Amino acid sequence: MHNWESLTRLANNAYSKHAFSDAVDLNKQALTQAEQSFDDDFKKDPESAVAATTVSFFNMAESYTALGDYVSANTQYEQAVNFLQSIIVRPNLDFEQRELIMRTATHIRFEWELFSQSYSKELISQSKALMQALAHTVSCTKHVVHH
């Protein structure tokens, strides 16, 4: 957990200096740390383990938003929910642990909804642009393959 804390501090510092790409990279590293130690951390302190991963996803979403990359920001909320879904299906969780995960998932969904409402036009615009770029790449690839 110590590594996660120092990486998160560095990421927050980068964000405050408007070094948003650095903040994304540092938050990715922090998330990797949180995920790698999650099982051990969760046994010792479920609340801190869940909070660490959630904070990392939120911080990445904020950094991507600051970069104007709304699709990647949106993906962070989705991945946060997916992560919690992978935890809540574990058979050995007790009632308090399940409640913690449900409360956190509800909070993530609330934040995701706020994000979606705030940036819906930008998100739709970027999603369309990505799909057009993909369609163009596919059509170019087909053209190259057939010749």
Protein backbone atom coordinates (compact mmCIF):
# COMPACT_ATOMS: atom_id res chain seq x y z
CA MET A 1 0.00 0.00 0.00
CA HIS A 2 2.97 2.31 0.64
CA ASN A 3 4.00 2.20 -3.03
CA TRP A 4 0.46 3.03 -4.09
CA GLU A 5 0.40 6.04 -1.76
CA SER A 6 3.67 7.48 -3.04
CA LEU A 7 2.68 6.93 -6.70
CA THR A 8 -0.70 8.55 -6.06
CA ARG A 9 0.99 11.52 -4.40
CA LEU A 10 3.31 11.91 -7.40
CA ALA A 11 0.32 11.64 -9.76
CA ASN A 12 -1.61 14.28 -7.84
CA ASN A 13 1.42 16.53 -7.92
CA ALA A 14 1.76 16.06 -11.69
CA TYR A 15 -1.95 16.80 -12.13
CA SER A 16 -1.69 20.00 -10.09
CA LYS A 17 1.16 21.09 -12.38
CA HIS A 18 -1.05 20.37 -15.43
CA ALA A 19 1.20 17.46 -16.45
CA PHE A 20 -1.88 15.36 -17.20
CA SER A 21 -0.14 12.69 -19.30
CA ASP A 22 2.33 12.12 -16.47
CA ALA A 23 -0.59 11.97 -14.04
CA VAL A 24 -2.23 9.26 -16.18
CA ASP A 25 0.99 7.23 -16.28
CA LEU A 26 1.58 7.54 -12.53
CA ASN A 27 -2.03 6.65 -11.75
CA LYS A 28 -1.75 3.60 -14.00
CA GLN A 29 1.29 2.52 -12.01
CA ALA A 30 -0.58 3.16 -8.76
CA LEU A 31 -3.55 1.12 -10.00
CA THR A 32 -1.24 -1.73 -10.98
CA GLN A 33 0.23 -1.67 -7.46
CA ALA A 34 -3.25 -1.63 -5.89
CA GLU A 35 -4.43 -4.52 -8.07
CA GLN A 36 -1.30 -6.62 -7.48
CA SER A 37 -1.57 -6.32 -3.70
CA PHE A 38 -5.37 -6.24 -3.61
CA ASP A 39 -5.96 -9.73 -2.22
CA ASP A 40 -3.51 -9.31 0.67
CA ASP A 41 -4.63 -5.73 1.35
CA PHE A 42 -8.30 -6.74 1.20
CA LYS A 43 -7.77 -9.41 3.85
CA LYS A 44 -6.11 -6.88 6.18
CA ASP A 45 -8.23 -3.80 5.46
CA PRO A 46 -11.02 -4.21 2.89
CA GLU A 47 -12.01 -0.54 2.96
CA SER A 48 -8.49 0.72 2.17
CA ALA A 49 -7.98 -1.86 -0.59
CA VAL A 50 -11.26 -0.96 -2.31
CA ALA A 51 -10.61 2.77 -1.82
CA ALA A 52 -7.13 2.56 -3.36
CA THR A 53 -8.33 0.94 -6.57
CA THR A 54 -11.34 3.25 -6.82
CA VAL A 55 -9.24 6.37 -6.26
CA SER A 56 -6.81 5.25 -8.97
CA PHE A 57 -9.62 4.74 -11.48
CA PHE A 58 -11.16 8.13 -10.57
CA ASN A 59 -7.79 9.88 -10.79
CA MET A 60 -7.14 8.42 -14.23
CA ALA A 61 -10.61 9.48 -15.37
CA GLU A 62 -9.92 13.03 -14.16
CA SER A 63 -6.55 13.13 -15.88
CA TYR A 64 -7.98 11.85 -19.16
CA THR A 65 -10.77 14.41 -18.89
CA ALA A 66 -8.20 17.16 -18.39
CA LEU A 67 -6.45 15.91 -21.55
CA GLY A 68 -9.76 16.05 -23.41
CA ASP A 69 -9.77 12.27 -23.91
CA TYR A 70 -13.36 11.61 -22.85
CA VAL A 71 -13.54 8.09 -24.27
CA SER A 72 -10.58 6.95 -22.14
CA ALA A 73 -12.00 8.77 -19.11
CA ASN A 74 -15.32 6.98 -19.60
CA THR A 75 -13.48 3.66 -19.85
CA GLN A 76 -12.01 4.20 -16.38
CA TYR A 77 -15.47 4.27 -14.80
CA GLU A 78 -16.41 1.14 -16.71
CA GLN A 79 -13.23 -0.65 -15.63
CA ALA A 80 -13.78 0.38 -12.01
CA VAL A 81 -17.24 -1.19 -12.04
CA ASN A 82 -15.88 -4.30 -13.79
CA PHE A 83 -13.15 -4.61 -11.18
CA LEU A 84 -15.67 -4.50 -8.33
CA GLN A 85 -17.90 -6.99 -10.13
CA SER A 86 -14.97 -9.39 -10.30
CA ILE A 87 -14.52 -9.05 -6.52
CA ILE A 88 -18.14 -9.27 -5.42
CA VAL A 89 -18.66 -12.67 -7.05
CA ARG A 90 -16.03 -14.24 -4.82
CA PRO A 91 -17.64 -16.89 -2.64
CA ASN A 92 -15.65 -16.16 0.54
CA LEU A 93 -16.81 -12.55 1.12
CA ASP A 94 -18.66 -11.74 4.29
CA PHE A 95 -21.70 -9.45 4.52
CA GLU A 96 -19.70 -6.31 5.42
CA GLN A 97 -17.32 -6.83 2.50
CA ARG A 98 -20.21 -7.25 0.07
CA GLU A 99 -21.87 -4.12 1.47
CA LEU A 100 -18.63 -2.17 1.08
CA ILE A 101 -18.32 -3.24 -2.55
CA MET A 102 -21.98 -2.41 -3.26
CA ARG A 103 -21.65 1.06 -1.67
CA THR A 104 -18.50 1.71 -3.67
CA ALA A 105 -20.08 0.49 -6.91
CA THR A 106 -23.06 2.78 -6.28
CA HIS A 107 -20.68 5.70 -5.75
CA ILE A 108 -18.81 4.89 -8.97
CA ARG A 109 -22.05 4.67 -10.92
CA PHE A 110 -23.10 8.06 -9.49
CA GLU A 111 -19.78 9.65 -10.52
CA TRP A 112 -19.98 7.96 -13.91
CA GLU A 113 -23.49 9.36 -14.43
CA LEU A 114 -22.26 12.87 -13.55
CA PHE A 115 -19.36 12.48 -15.96
CA SER A 116 -21.67 11.20 -18.71
CA GLN A 117 -24.08 14.10 -18.22
CA SER A 118 -21.29 16.69 -18.13
CA TYR A 119 -19.41 15.41 -21.18
CA SER A 120 -22.06 13.61 -23.24
CA LYS A 121 -21.57 15.73 -26.38
CA GLU A 122 -17.79 15.38 -26.27
CA LEU A 123 -18.04 11.65 -25.57
CA ILE A 124 -20.42 11.06 -28.49
CA SER A 125 -18.29 13.18 -30.80
CA GLN A 126 -15.06 11.34 -29.88
CA SER A 127 -16.76 7.93 -30.10
CA LYS A 128 -18.01 8.72 -33.62
CA ALA A 129 -14.55 9.94 -34.65
CA LEU A 130 -12.97 6.74 -33.31
CA MET A 131 -15.49 4.58 -35.16
CA GLN A 132 -14.93 6.53 -38.39
CA ALA A 133 -11.16 6.13 -38.02
CA LEU A 134 -11.61 2.41 -37.40
CA ALA A 135 -13.90 2.04 -40.43
CA HIS A 136 -11.36 3.92 -42.56
CA THR A 137 -8.52 1.69 -41.31
CA VAL A 138 -10.55 -1.45 -42.01
CA SER A 139 -11.44 -0.29 -45.53
CA CYS A 140 -7.78 0.62 -46.24
CA THR A 141 -6.68 -2.78 -44.92
CA LYS A 142 -9.20 -4.57 -47.14
CA HIS A 143 -7.95 -2.56 -50.11
CA VAL A 144 -4.32 -3.47 -49.39
CA VAL A 145 -5.13 -7.14 -48.80
CA HIS A 146 -7.02 -7.49 -52.08
CA HIS A 147 -4.18 -6.04 -54.16
